[in-house]
Amino acid sequence: MSLAEAALITHVLGWVFWLGTDLGVFLSCRYAERGNLSAETRLTLLEVGMKLDRLPRFAVPLVWGSGVVLSKQLGYDFIPLGICFFITIAWVIATYLIIFTSPGSKQFLIGIRLQTLFYGMVIIGMGGGSSWLLYNGEIPLWLALKWYAYVLIAASALALEKYFIPVVEDFQLLAAEGGNDQLNSKLSSDLKPVYLAVLAIYSGTVVAGLSGLLKPLL
């Protein structure tokens, strides 16, 4: 199997797995929000959702890296493969540290900082770069849309990390004290920006996928 073939498989399956599994995470959170369920059931649903959320996180750097390889194969060579592989591997390691090390630990904080750095690079580099290259006719519209979609995903992911902090605190209270009307109301309120960020991420994945399918027209 050639590098281009491996990149194509990773890219397509990565998008599909990312979006499909994250829908399960979204539904788990929606059901965990229900105040008519027992606290134990709601916490179990949240636990399932958080476990489902692990592997899609790895799709983010893998889809990005495979996309760079595919772009190079099409003649759009803006990032050397060595740098691409280095960023992708470092991003995967950062994701691992965030998921599988204790929150607040040195390793976890390193993962968070690296992830924030990579998202920032995507927002600035791909956002500004796609506008400049599209304006100068160096990339087609379909590729620019893919880049813009990834910028939307990166910005929404950063927002999601911030907005999910009070939600975690709400569920910690649910585990300690059980459900009540005040907590249920606060949880629903805190989840609203989370849902908006998640829907923005879904929108980015849809735009990126459709832009590739519509490549001959764009």
N, C-alpha and C. Protein backbone atom coordinates (compact mmCIF):
# COMPACT_ATOMS: atom_id res chain seq x y z
N MET A 1 0.85 -1.20 0.00
CA MET A 1 0.00 0.00 0.00
C MET A 1 0.88 1.25 0.00
N SER A 2 0.60 2.16 -0.91
CA SER A 2 1.38 3.38 -1.01
C SER A 2 0.99 4.36 0.09
N LEU A 3 1.82 5.37 0.29
CA LEU A 3 1.53 6.40 1.29
C LEU A 3 0.24 7.13 0.95
N ALA A 4 0.03 7.42 -0.34
CA ALA A 4 -1.19 8.13 -0.76
C ALA A 4 -2.43 7.30 -0.48
N GLU A 5 -2.37 5.99 -0.72
CA GLU A 5 -3.51 5.11 -0.47
C GLU A 5 -3.81 5.02 1.03
N ALA A 6 -2.75 4.90 1.83
CA ALA A 6 -2.93 4.85 3.28
C ALA A 6 -3.53 6.15 3.80
N ALA A 7 -3.06 7.27 3.24
CA ALA A 7 -3.58 8.59 3.65
C ALA A 7 -5.05 8.73 3.29
N LEU A 8 -5.43 8.24 2.09
CA LEU A 8 -6.81 8.34 1.66
C LEU A 8 -7.73 7.53 2.57
N ILE A 9 -7.32 6.31 2.90
CA ILE A 9 -8.12 5.46 3.78
C ILE A 9 -8.27 6.11 5.17
N THR A 10 -7.15 6.61 5.70
CA THR A 10 -7.17 7.25 7.01
C THR A 10 -8.06 8.49 7.00
N HIS A 11 -7.97 9.26 5.91
CA HIS A 11 -8.71 10.51 5.81
C HIS A 11 -10.23 10.25 5.78
N VAL A 12 -10.65 9.34 4.92
CA VAL A 12 -12.08 9.07 4.76
C VAL A 12 -12.65 8.39 6.00
N LEU A 13 -11.99 7.32 6.45
CA LEU A 13 -12.49 6.62 7.63
C LEU A 13 -12.42 7.49 8.88
N GLY A 14 -11.41 8.35 8.92
CA GLY A 14 -11.29 9.26 10.06
C GLY A 14 -12.48 10.19 10.18
N TRP A 15 -12.89 10.80 9.05
CA TRP A 15 -14.06 11.69 9.05
C TRP A 15 -15.32 10.93 9.46
N VAL A 16 -15.51 9.74 8.86
CA VAL A 16 -16.72 8.95 9.13
C VAL A 16 -16.79 8.54 10.59
N PHE A 17 -15.67 8.00 11.10
CA PHE A 17 -15.64 7.54 12.50
C PHE A 17 -15.81 8.71 13.45
N TRP A 18 -15.16 9.82 13.14
CA TRP A 18 -15.23 11.02 13.98
C TRP A 18 -16.67 11.50 14.15
N LEU A 19 -17.34 11.71 13.03
CA LEU A 19 -18.70 12.23 13.08
C LEU A 19 -19.67 11.21 13.65
N GLY A 20 -19.56 9.96 13.20
CA GLY A 20 -20.49 8.93 13.65
C GLY A 20 -20.41 8.67 15.14
N THR A 21 -19.20 8.53 15.67
CA THR A 21 -19.04 8.26 17.09
C THR A 21 -19.43 9.46 17.94
N ASP A 22 -19.10 10.65 17.46
CA ASP A 22 -19.46 11.85 18.21
C ASP A 22 -20.96 12.05 18.32
N LEU A 23 -21.72 11.53 17.37
CA LEU A 23 -23.18 11.58 17.48
C LEU A 23 -23.64 10.78 18.70
N GLY A 24 -22.95 9.65 18.96
CA GLY A 24 -23.25 8.86 20.14
C GLY A 24 -22.95 9.62 21.42
N VAL A 25 -21.84 10.39 21.40
CA VAL A 25 -21.49 11.22 22.55
C VAL A 25 -22.56 12.28 22.78
N PHE A 26 -23.00 12.91 21.69
CA PHE A 26 -24.02 13.95 21.78
C PHE A 26 -25.31 13.41 22.38
N LEU A 27 -25.75 12.25 21.91
CA LEU A 27 -27.00 11.66 22.41
C LEU A 27 -26.87 11.24 23.87
N SER A 28 -25.69 10.73 24.24
CA SER A 28 -25.48 10.33 25.64
C SER A 28 -25.62 11.52 26.57
N CYS A 29 -25.05 12.67 26.16
CA CYS A 29 -25.15 13.88 26.97
C CYS A 29 -26.59 14.38 27.05
N ARG A 30 -27.29 14.27 25.93
CA ARG A 30 -28.69 14.72 25.91
C ARG A 30 -29.52 13.91 26.90
N TYR A 31 -29.32 12.59 26.93
CA TYR A 31 -30.09 11.75 27.85
C TYR A 31 -29.63 11.95 29.29
N ALA A 32 -28.33 12.20 29.48
CA ALA A 32 -27.81 12.42 30.83
C ALA A 32 -28.34 13.72 31.43
N GLU A 33 -28.84 14.60 30.58
CA GLU A 33 -29.40 15.87 31.03
C GLU A 33 -30.78 15.70 31.65
N ARG A 34 -31.45 14.61 31.34
CA ARG A 34 -32.84 14.42 31.76
C ARG A 34 -32.98 14.28 33.27
N GLY A 35 -33.77 15.19 33.85
CA GLY A 35 -33.96 15.17 35.29
C GLY A 35 -34.89 14.06 35.78
N ASN A 36 -35.64 13.43 34.85
CA ASN A 36 -36.56 12.37 35.26
C ASN A 36 -35.87 11.00 35.39
N LEU A 37 -34.58 10.96 35.06
CA LEU A 37 -33.81 9.72 35.23
C LEU A 37 -33.08 9.77 36.57
N SER A 38 -32.75 8.60 37.08
CA SER A 38 -32.02 8.55 38.35
C SER A 38 -30.61 9.09 38.15
N ALA A 39 -30.03 9.57 39.26
CA ALA A 39 -28.67 10.10 39.20
C ALA A 39 -27.69 9.04 38.71
N GLU A 40 -27.89 7.80 39.15
CA GLU A 40 -26.99 6.71 38.74
C GLU A 40 -27.07 6.49 37.23
N THR A 41 -28.29 6.49 36.68
CA THR A 41 -28.46 6.30 35.24
C THR A 41 -27.82 7.44 34.47
N ARG A 42 -28.02 8.66 34.92
CA ARG A 42 -27.47 9.82 34.23
C ARG A 42 -25.95 9.80 34.24
N LEU A 43 -25.37 9.42 35.36
CA LEU A 43 -23.91 9.36 35.45
C LEU A 43 -23.35 8.24 34.59
N THR A 44 -24.10 7.14 34.50
CA THR A 44 -23.67 6.03 33.64
C THR A 44 -23.69 6.46 32.17
N LEU A 45 -24.74 7.19 31.78
CA LEU A 45 -24.82 7.69 30.41
C LEU A 45 -23.67 8.64 30.11
N LEU A 46 -23.34 9.50 31.07
CA LEU A 46 -22.22 10.42 30.87
C LEU A 46 -20.91 9.65 30.74
N GLU A 47 -20.73 8.63 31.57
CA GLU A 47 -19.52 7.82 31.50
C GLU A 47 -19.38 7.14 30.14
N VAL A 48 -20.50 6.61 29.62
CA VAL A 48 -20.48 5.99 28.29
C VAL A 48 -20.10 7.02 27.23
N GLY A 49 -20.70 8.21 27.35
CA GLY A 49 -20.40 9.27 26.38
C GLY A 49 -18.94 9.67 26.41
N MET A 50 -18.36 9.78 27.60
CA MET A 50 -16.96 10.17 27.72
C MET A 50 -16.02 9.10 27.17
N LYS A 51 -16.39 7.83 27.33
CA LYS A 51 -15.57 6.75 26.77
C LYS A 51 -15.68 6.72 25.25
N LEU A 52 -16.88 6.99 24.73
CA LEU A 52 -17.05 7.05 23.28
C LEU A 52 -16.26 8.20 22.68
N ASP A 53 -16.07 9.25 23.46
CA ASP A 53 -15.41 10.46 22.98
C ASP A 53 -13.90 10.29 22.83
N ARG A 54 -13.34 9.22 23.35
CA ARG A 54 -11.88 9.08 23.35
C ARG A 54 -11.30 8.91 21.96
N LEU A 55 -11.76 7.91 21.23
CA LEU A 55 -11.15 7.62 19.93
C LEU A 55 -11.38 8.71 18.89
N PRO A 56 -12.58 9.34 18.82
CA PRO A 56 -12.74 10.43 17.85
C PRO A 56 -11.74 11.56 18.03
N ARG A 57 -11.25 11.77 19.24
CA ARG A 57 -10.26 12.81 19.48
C ARG A 57 -8.98 12.54 18.70
N PHE A 58 -8.64 11.26 18.54
CA PHE A 58 -7.44 10.91 17.78
C PHE A 58 -7.64 11.14 16.27
N ALA A 59 -8.91 11.16 15.85
CA ALA A 59 -9.19 11.40 14.43
C ALA A 59 -8.80 12.82 14.02
N VAL A 60 -8.83 13.76 14.95
CA VAL A 60 -8.55 15.16 14.62
C VAL A 60 -7.15 15.32 14.02
N PRO A 61 -6.07 14.89 14.71
CA PRO A 61 -4.75 15.01 14.11
C PRO A 61 -4.53 14.07 12.92
N LEU A 62 -5.12 12.88 12.96
CA LEU A 62 -4.91 11.93 11.87
C LEU A 62 -5.56 12.41 10.58
N VAL A 63 -6.74 12.99 10.68
CA VAL A 63 -7.40 13.53 9.49
C VAL A 63 -6.61 14.72 8.95
N TRP A 64 -6.11 15.55 9.85
CA TRP A 64 -5.30 16.70 9.42
C TRP A 64 -4.04 16.23 8.70
N GLY A 65 -3.31 15.31 9.32
CA GLY A 65 -2.06 14.83 8.72
C GLY A 65 -2.27 14.13 7.39
N SER A 66 -3.28 13.27 7.32
CA SER A 66 -3.57 12.56 6.06
C SER A 66 -4.03 13.55 4.99
N GLY A 67 -4.70 14.62 5.41
CA GLY A 67 -5.13 15.64 4.45
C GLY A 67 -3.95 16.37 3.84
N VAL A 68 -2.93 16.64 4.65
CA VAL A 68 -1.72 17.28 4.13
C VAL A 68 -1.04 16.39 3.10
N VAL A 69 -0.98 15.08 3.39
CA VAL A 69 -0.37 14.13 2.45
C VAL A 69 -1.15 14.09 1.14
N LEU A 70 -2.47 14.04 1.22
CA LEU A 70 -3.30 14.00 0.02
C LEU A 70 -3.17 15.30 -0.79
N SER A 71 -3.08 16.42 -0.09
CA SER A 71 -2.90 17.70 -0.79
C SER A 71 -1.58 17.71 -1.56
N LYS A 72 -0.56 17.17 -0.95
CA LYS A 72 0.75 17.09 -1.61
C LYS A 72 0.67 16.23 -2.87
N GLN A 73 -0.09 15.13 -2.79
CA GLN A 73 -0.24 14.25 -3.94
C GLN A 73 -0.96 14.94 -5.10
N LEU A 74 -1.79 15.93 -4.77
CA LEU A 74 -2.53 16.68 -5.79
C LEU A 74 -1.76 17.90 -6.28
N GLY A 75 -0.56 18.10 -5.75
CA GLY A 75 0.28 19.21 -6.21
C GLY A 75 0.25 20.44 -5.34
N TYR A 76 -0.47 20.37 -4.20
CA TYR A 76 -0.54 21.52 -3.29
C TYR A 76 0.41 21.25 -2.11
N ASP A 77 1.66 21.57 -2.34
CA ASP A 77 2.72 21.19 -1.41
C ASP A 77 3.13 22.41 -0.58
N PHE A 78 2.44 22.63 0.54
CA PHE A 78 2.71 23.80 1.37
C PHE A 78 3.43 23.45 2.67
N ILE A 79 3.33 22.19 3.09
CA ILE A 79 3.98 21.75 4.33
C ILE A 79 4.84 20.52 4.01
N PRO A 80 6.14 20.56 4.26
CA PRO A 80 6.99 19.38 4.03
C PRO A 80 6.47 18.18 4.82
N LEU A 81 6.59 17.00 4.22
CA LEU A 81 6.05 15.81 4.87
C LEU A 81 6.70 15.54 6.23
N GLY A 82 7.99 15.86 6.36
CA GLY A 82 8.66 15.65 7.64
C GLY A 82 8.02 16.46 8.75
N ILE A 83 7.71 17.72 8.47
CA ILE A 83 7.05 18.58 9.44
C ILE A 83 5.63 18.10 9.70
N CYS A 84 4.95 17.66 8.64
CA CYS A 84 3.58 17.13 8.77
C CYS A 84 3.56 15.93 9.71
N PHE A 85 4.47 14.99 9.51
CA PHE A 85 4.51 13.80 10.35
C PHE A 85 4.86 14.15 11.80
N PHE A 86 5.78 15.10 11.98
CA PHE A 86 6.17 15.51 13.33
C PHE A 86 4.98 16.11 14.08
N ILE A 87 4.25 17.03 13.41
CA ILE A 87 3.09 17.67 14.04
C ILE A 87 2.01 16.64 14.35
N THR A 88 1.75 15.75 13.39
CA THR A 88 0.70 14.74 13.58
C THR A 88 1.01 13.84 14.77
N ILE A 89 2.25 13.35 14.85
CA ILE A 89 2.64 12.46 15.95
C ILE A 89 2.58 13.21 17.29
N ALA A 90 3.10 14.44 17.31
CA ALA A 90 3.06 15.23 18.55
C ALA A 90 1.62 15.50 18.98
N TRP A 91 0.75 15.73 18.00
CA TRP A 91 -0.67 16.00 18.28
C TRP A 91 -1.35 14.76 18.83
N VAL A 92 -1.03 13.59 18.27
CA VAL A 92 -1.58 12.32 18.77
C VAL A 92 -1.11 12.08 20.20
N ILE A 93 0.17 12.35 20.48
CA ILE A 93 0.70 12.17 21.84
C ILE A 93 -0.01 13.12 22.81
N ALA A 94 -0.20 14.38 22.38
CA ALA A 94 -0.91 15.35 23.23
C ALA A 94 -2.32 14.86 23.55
N THR A 95 -3.00 14.32 22.54
CA THR A 95 -4.35 13.79 22.73
C THR A 95 -4.35 12.64 23.73
N TYR A 96 -3.35 11.77 23.61
CA TYR A 96 -3.23 10.65 24.55
C TYR A 96 -3.05 11.15 25.98
N LEU A 97 -2.19 12.15 26.15
CA LEU A 97 -1.93 12.69 27.49
C LEU A 97 -3.19 13.29 28.10
N ILE A 98 -3.99 13.96 27.27
CA ILE A 98 -5.22 14.58 27.77
C ILE A 98 -6.24 13.52 28.20
N ILE A 99 -6.31 12.44 27.46
CA ILE A 99 -7.34 11.43 27.72
C ILE A 99 -6.93 10.47 28.83
N PHE A 100 -5.66 10.06 28.84
CA PHE A 100 -5.27 8.94 29.71
C PHE A 100 -4.37 9.33 30.88
N THR A 101 -4.19 10.62 31.15
CA THR A 101 -3.48 11.00 32.36
C THR A 101 -4.42 11.80 33.26
N SER A 102 -4.08 11.90 34.51
CA SER A 102 -4.96 12.54 35.49
C SER A 102 -5.05 14.04 35.26
N PRO A 103 -6.28 14.60 35.24
CA PRO A 103 -6.43 16.05 35.10
C PRO A 103 -5.64 16.79 36.19
N GLY A 104 -4.92 17.81 35.77
CA GLY A 104 -4.10 18.56 36.71
C GLY A 104 -2.68 18.07 36.82
N SER A 105 -2.40 16.86 36.29
CA SER A 105 -1.04 16.34 36.34
C SER A 105 -0.15 17.08 35.33
N LYS A 106 1.16 16.94 35.49
CA LYS A 106 2.11 17.60 34.59
C LYS A 106 1.90 17.14 33.16
N GLN A 107 1.69 15.82 32.98
CA GLN A 107 1.50 15.28 31.64
C GLN A 107 0.22 15.81 31.00
N PHE A 108 -0.83 15.90 31.80
CA PHE A 108 -2.11 16.41 31.29
C PHE A 108 -1.96 17.86 30.84
N LEU A 109 -1.29 18.68 31.64
CA LEU A 109 -1.11 20.09 31.29
C LEU A 109 -0.26 20.26 30.04
N ILE A 110 0.74 19.39 29.88
CA ILE A 110 1.55 19.42 28.66
C ILE A 110 0.66 19.11 27.45
N GLY A 111 -0.20 18.11 27.59
CA GLY A 111 -1.11 17.74 26.51
C GLY A 111 -2.04 18.89 26.15
N ILE A 112 -2.60 19.55 27.15
CA ILE A 112 -3.51 20.68 26.92
C ILE A 112 -2.79 21.80 26.18
N ARG A 113 -1.57 22.12 26.62
CA ARG A 113 -0.82 23.21 26.00
C ARG A 113 -0.47 22.89 24.55
N LEU A 114 -0.07 21.65 24.31
CA LEU A 114 0.26 21.25 22.94
C LEU A 114 -0.98 21.29 22.05
N GLN A 115 -2.09 20.77 22.56
CA GLN A 115 -3.33 20.78 21.79
C GLN A 115 -3.75 22.20 21.46
N THR A 116 -3.67 23.10 22.45
CA THR A 116 -4.02 24.49 22.22
C THR A 116 -3.11 25.12 21.18
N LEU A 117 -1.82 24.78 21.23
CA LEU A 117 -0.86 25.28 20.25
C LEU A 117 -1.23 24.83 18.85
N PHE A 118 -1.57 23.55 18.70
CA PHE A 118 -1.90 23.03 17.37
C PHE A 118 -3.21 23.62 16.85
N TYR A 119 -4.19 23.77 17.72
CA TYR A 119 -5.44 24.41 17.29
C TYR A 119 -5.18 25.85 16.88
N GLY A 120 -4.32 26.54 17.63
CA GLY A 120 -3.99 27.92 17.27
C GLY A 120 -3.29 27.99 15.93
N MET A 121 -2.39 27.04 15.66
CA MET A 121 -1.69 26.99 14.37
C MET A 121 -2.69 26.77 13.23
N VAL A 122 -3.66 25.90 13.48
CA VAL A 122 -4.68 25.64 12.46
C VAL A 122 -5.51 26.90 12.19
N ILE A 123 -5.94 27.56 13.26
CA ILE A 123 -6.79 28.74 13.10
C ILE A 123 -6.06 29.85 12.35
N ILE A 124 -4.82 30.13 12.76
CA ILE A 124 -4.06 31.21 12.15
C ILE A 124 -3.51 30.81 10.78
N GLY A 125 -2.87 29.64 10.75
CA GLY A 125 -2.22 29.21 9.51
C GLY A 125 -3.20 28.85 8.41
N MET A 126 -4.16 27.99 8.72
CA MET A 126 -5.10 27.55 7.69
C MET A 126 -6.15 28.60 7.39
N GLY A 127 -6.52 29.39 8.41
CA GLY A 127 -7.50 30.46 8.18
C GLY A 127 -6.93 31.55 7.30
N GLY A 128 -5.79 32.11 7.72
CA GLY A 128 -5.16 33.15 6.92
C GLY A 128 -4.58 32.64 5.63
N GLY A 129 -3.97 31.45 5.69
CA GLY A 129 -3.34 30.88 4.50
C GLY A 129 -4.34 30.57 3.40
N SER A 130 -5.48 30.01 3.77
CA SER A 130 -6.48 29.67 2.74
C SER A 130 -7.02 30.92 2.07
N SER A 131 -7.22 31.99 2.85
CA SER A 131 -7.72 33.24 2.27
C SER A 131 -6.70 33.82 1.29
N TRP A 132 -5.44 33.84 1.69
CA TRP A 132 -4.38 34.39 0.85
C TRP A 132 -4.20 33.57 -0.43
N LEU A 133 -4.12 32.25 -0.27
CA LEU A 133 -3.88 31.38 -1.42
C LEU A 133 -5.08 31.36 -2.37
N LEU A 134 -6.30 31.40 -1.81
CA LEU A 134 -7.49 31.44 -2.66
C LEU A 134 -7.56 32.75 -3.42
N TYR A 135 -7.24 33.84 -2.75
CA TYR A 135 -7.25 35.16 -3.39
C TYR A 135 -6.26 35.22 -4.55
N ASN A 136 -5.12 34.58 -4.38
CA ASN A 136 -4.08 34.60 -5.42
C ASN A 136 -4.22 33.46 -6.43
N GLY A 137 -5.27 32.67 -6.29
CA GLY A 137 -5.53 31.60 -7.26
C GLY A 137 -4.62 30.41 -7.15
N GLU A 138 -3.98 30.22 -5.99
CA GLU A 138 -3.04 29.12 -5.83
C GLU A 138 -3.68 27.84 -5.32
N ILE A 139 -4.90 27.96 -4.80
CA ILE A 139 -5.66 26.77 -4.41
C ILE A 139 -7.08 26.93 -4.91
N PRO A 140 -7.77 25.81 -5.21
CA PRO A 140 -9.16 25.89 -5.66
C PRO A 140 -10.11 26.11 -4.50
N LEU A 141 -11.34 26.45 -4.81
CA LEU A 141 -12.33 26.74 -3.78
C LEU A 141 -12.60 25.54 -2.90
N TRP A 142 -12.66 24.33 -3.48
CA TRP A 142 -12.98 23.16 -2.69
C TRP A 142 -11.94 22.92 -1.59
N LEU A 143 -10.66 23.16 -1.90
CA LEU A 143 -9.61 22.97 -0.91
C LEU A 143 -9.66 24.06 0.15
N ALA A 144 -9.95 25.29 -0.28
CA ALA A 144 -10.08 26.40 0.68
C ALA A 144 -11.22 26.12 1.66
N LEU A 145 -12.32 25.55 1.15
CA LEU A 145 -13.45 25.23 2.03
C LEU A 145 -13.07 24.18 3.06
N LYS A 146 -12.25 23.20 2.66
CA LYS A 146 -11.77 22.21 3.61
C LYS A 146 -10.96 22.88 4.71
N TRP A 147 -10.11 23.80 4.32
CA TRP A 147 -9.29 24.50 5.30
C TRP A 147 -10.15 25.34 6.24
N TYR A 148 -11.10 26.06 5.66
CA TYR A 148 -12.01 26.87 6.49
C TYR A 148 -12.79 25.98 7.46
N ALA A 149 -13.20 24.81 6.99
CA ALA A 149 -13.94 23.88 7.84
C ALA A 149 -13.09 23.44 9.02
N TYR A 150 -11.82 23.19 8.78
CA TYR A 150 -10.94 22.76 9.87
C TYR A 150 -10.69 23.90 10.85
N VAL A 151 -10.65 25.13 10.34
CA VAL A 151 -10.54 26.30 11.22
C VAL A 151 -11.76 26.38 12.14
N LEU A 152 -12.95 26.17 11.57
CA LEU A 152 -14.18 26.17 12.37
C LEU A 152 -14.13 25.08 13.42
N ILE A 153 -13.66 23.90 13.04
CA ILE A 153 -13.57 22.78 13.97
C ILE A 153 -12.60 23.10 15.11
N ALA A 154 -11.43 23.67 14.77
CA ALA A 154 -10.43 23.98 15.78
C ALA A 154 -10.94 25.03 16.76
N ALA A 155 -11.56 26.09 16.23
CA ALA A 155 -12.09 27.15 17.10
C ALA A 155 -13.20 26.61 17.99
N SER A 156 -14.06 25.76 17.43
CA SER A 156 -15.16 25.19 18.20
C SER A 156 -14.65 24.23 19.27
N ALA A 157 -13.59 23.49 18.94
CA ALA A 157 -13.01 22.55 19.91
C ALA A 157 -12.42 23.30 21.10
N LEU A 158 -11.76 24.43 20.83
CA LEU A 158 -11.22 25.24 21.93
C LEU A 158 -12.36 25.77 22.81
N ALA A 159 -13.43 26.22 22.17
CA ALA A 159 -14.58 26.71 22.92
C ALA A 159 -15.21 25.58 23.74
N LEU A 160 -15.27 24.40 23.14
CA LEU A 160 -15.87 23.25 23.82
C LEU A 160 -15.11 22.89 25.09
N GLU A 161 -13.78 22.92 25.02
CA GLU A 161 -12.96 22.63 26.21
C GLU A 161 -13.32 23.58 27.35
N LYS A 162 -13.52 24.85 27.03
CA LYS A 162 -13.85 25.87 28.04
C LYS A 162 -15.26 25.67 28.58
N TYR A 163 -16.22 25.48 27.67
CA TYR A 163 -17.62 25.39 28.08
C TYR A 163 -17.93 24.11 28.84
N PHE A 164 -17.11 23.07 28.67
CA PHE A 164 -17.43 21.80 29.31
C PHE A 164 -16.99 21.75 30.77
N ILE A 165 -16.15 22.70 31.18
CA ILE A 165 -15.67 22.72 32.57
C ILE A 165 -16.81 22.82 33.58
N PRO A 166 -17.75 23.80 33.45
CA PRO A 166 -18.86 23.85 34.41
C PRO A 166 -19.78 22.65 34.34
N VAL A 167 -19.87 22.01 33.18
CA VAL A 167 -20.70 20.81 33.04
C VAL A 167 -20.14 19.68 33.89
N VAL A 168 -18.82 19.53 33.86
CA VAL A 168 -18.17 18.50 34.68
C VAL A 168 -18.44 18.76 36.16
N GLU A 169 -18.37 20.03 36.55
CA GLU A 169 -18.65 20.39 37.94
C GLU A 169 -20.09 20.07 38.31
N ASP A 170 -21.02 20.29 37.37
CA ASP A 170 -22.43 19.98 37.62
C ASP A 170 -22.62 18.48 37.86
N PHE A 171 -21.98 17.67 37.05
CA PHE A 171 -22.12 16.22 37.22
C PHE A 171 -21.44 15.73 38.49
N GLN A 172 -20.39 16.41 38.90
CA GLN A 172 -19.76 16.06 40.18
C GLN A 172 -20.72 16.33 41.33
N LEU A 173 -21.48 17.43 41.24
CA LEU A 173 -22.50 17.73 42.24
C LEU A 173 -23.63 16.70 42.19
N LEU A 174 -23.96 16.28 40.97
CA LEU A 174 -25.01 15.27 40.81
C LEU A 174 -24.60 13.97 41.49
N ALA A 175 -23.33 13.60 41.35
CA ALA A 175 -22.84 12.37 41.97
C ALA A 175 -22.81 12.49 43.48
N ALA A 176 -22.51 13.69 43.98
CA ALA A 176 -22.38 13.88 45.43
C ALA A 176 -23.71 14.11 46.12
N GLU A 177 -24.60 14.84 45.47
CA GLU A 177 -25.83 15.28 46.15
C GLU A 177 -27.11 14.72 45.54
N GLY A 178 -27.02 14.16 44.34
CA GLY A 178 -28.22 13.70 43.65
C GLY A 178 -28.86 14.85 42.89
N GLY A 179 -29.86 14.52 42.10
CA GLY A 179 -30.51 15.53 41.27
C GLY A 179 -31.51 16.37 42.03
N ASN A 180 -31.65 17.62 41.61
CA ASN A 180 -32.69 18.50 42.14
C ASN A 180 -33.00 19.53 41.07
N ASP A 181 -34.09 20.23 41.22
CA ASP A 181 -34.53 21.17 40.18
C ASP A 181 -33.50 22.26 39.89
N GLN A 182 -32.87 22.76 40.93
CA GLN A 182 -31.89 23.82 40.74
C GLN A 182 -30.68 23.32 39.95
N LEU A 183 -30.18 22.15 40.32
CA LEU A 183 -29.03 21.58 39.62
C LEU A 183 -29.39 21.21 38.19
N ASN A 184 -30.58 20.65 38.00
CA ASN A 184 -31.01 20.27 36.65
C ASN A 184 -31.10 21.50 35.75
N SER A 185 -31.61 22.60 36.30
CA SER A 185 -31.73 23.84 35.53
C SER A 185 -30.35 24.39 35.18
N LYS A 186 -29.43 24.35 36.14
CA LYS A 186 -28.07 24.84 35.89
C LYS A 186 -27.37 23.97 34.85
N LEU A 187 -27.56 22.66 34.95
CA LEU A 187 -26.94 21.74 34.00
C LEU A 187 -27.44 22.01 32.58
N SER A 188 -28.73 22.18 32.43
CA SER A 188 -29.30 22.46 31.10
C SER A 188 -28.75 23.77 30.54
N SER A 189 -28.62 24.77 31.42
CA SER A 189 -28.09 26.06 30.99
C SER A 189 -26.62 25.95 30.59
N ASP A 190 -25.84 25.20 31.37
CA ASP A 190 -24.41 25.05 31.08
C ASP A 190 -24.16 24.22 29.83
N LEU A 191 -25.10 23.33 29.51
CA LEU A 191 -24.92 22.46 28.33
C LEU A 191 -25.24 23.17 27.02
N LYS A 192 -26.00 24.25 27.05
CA LYS A 192 -26.40 24.93 25.81
C LYS A 192 -25.20 25.37 24.97
N PRO A 193 -24.20 26.09 25.53
CA PRO A 193 -23.04 26.45 24.70
C PRO A 193 -22.23 25.24 24.27
N VAL A 194 -22.27 24.17 25.08
CA VAL A 194 -21.57 22.93 24.69
C VAL A 194 -22.20 22.36 23.43
N TYR A 195 -23.53 22.30 23.40
CA TYR A 195 -24.22 21.78 22.23
C TYR A 195 -23.94 22.64 20.99
N LEU A 196 -23.90 23.96 21.18
CA LEU A 196 -23.61 24.84 20.05
C LEU A 196 -22.22 24.58 19.49
N ALA A 197 -21.24 24.39 20.38
CA ALA A 197 -19.88 24.11 19.94
C ALA A 197 -19.81 22.76 19.21
N VAL A 198 -20.52 21.78 19.75
CA VAL A 198 -20.54 20.45 19.12
C VAL A 198 -21.19 20.52 17.73
N LEU A 199 -22.30 21.24 17.62
CA LEU A 199 -22.97 21.37 16.32
C LEU A 199 -22.08 22.11 15.32
N ALA A 200 -21.29 23.07 15.80
CA ALA A 200 -20.36 23.77 14.92
C ALA A 200 -19.29 22.80 14.41
N ILE A 201 -18.83 21.90 15.27
CA ILE A 201 -17.85 20.89 14.85
C ILE A 201 -18.47 19.97 13.80
N TYR A 202 -19.71 19.53 14.03
CA TYR A 202 -20.40 18.69 13.06
C TYR A 202 -20.54 19.42 11.72
N SER A 203 -20.87 20.71 11.78
CA SER A 203 -21.01 21.50 10.55
C SER A 203 -19.69 21.54 9.79
N GLY A 204 -18.59 21.69 10.54
CA GLY A 204 -17.28 21.70 9.88
C GLY A 204 -16.97 20.39 9.19
N THR A 205 -17.31 19.27 9.84
CA THR A 205 -17.04 17.97 9.22
C THR A 205 -17.89 17.78 7.96
N VAL A 206 -19.13 18.25 7.99
CA VAL A 206 -20.01 18.13 6.82
C VAL A 206 -19.48 18.98 5.67
N VAL A 207 -19.08 20.22 5.96
CA VAL A 207 -18.54 21.10 4.92
C VAL A 207 -17.28 20.50 4.31
N ALA A 208 -16.40 19.99 5.16
CA ALA A 208 -15.15 19.40 4.66
C ALA A 208 -15.43 18.18 3.77
N GLY A 209 -16.37 17.35 4.21
CA GLY A 209 -16.69 16.18 3.41
C GLY A 209 -17.35 16.53 2.09
N LEU A 210 -18.29 17.45 2.12
CA LEU A 210 -18.98 17.84 0.89
C LEU A 210 -18.06 18.55 -0.10
N SER A 211 -17.13 19.35 0.43
CA SER A 211 -16.21 20.06 -0.47
C SER A 211 -15.36 19.09 -1.27
N GLY A 212 -14.96 17.98 -0.62
CA GLY A 212 -14.21 16.96 -1.35
C GLY A 212 -15.06 16.27 -2.41
N LEU A 213 -16.32 15.97 -2.07
CA LEU A 213 -17.21 15.33 -3.05
C LEU A 213 -17.54 16.23 -4.21
N LEU A 214 -17.61 17.55 -3.95
CA LEU A 214 -17.96 18.51 -4.99
C LEU A 214 -16.74 19.07 -5.70
N LYS A 215 -15.61 18.43 -5.52
CA LYS A 215 -14.34 18.91 -6.09
C LYS A 215 -14.42 19.22 -7.58
N PRO A 216 -15.07 18.36 -8.40
CA PRO A 216 -15.12 18.68 -9.83
C PRO A 216 -15.89 19.98 -10.15
N LEU A 217 -16.81 20.38 -9.26
CA LEU A 217 -17.62 21.57 -9.51
C LEU A 217 -17.01 22.83 -8.92
N LEU A 218 -16.04 22.67 -8.02
CA LEU A 218 -15.46 23.82 -7.33
C LEU A 218 -13.99 24.00 -7.70
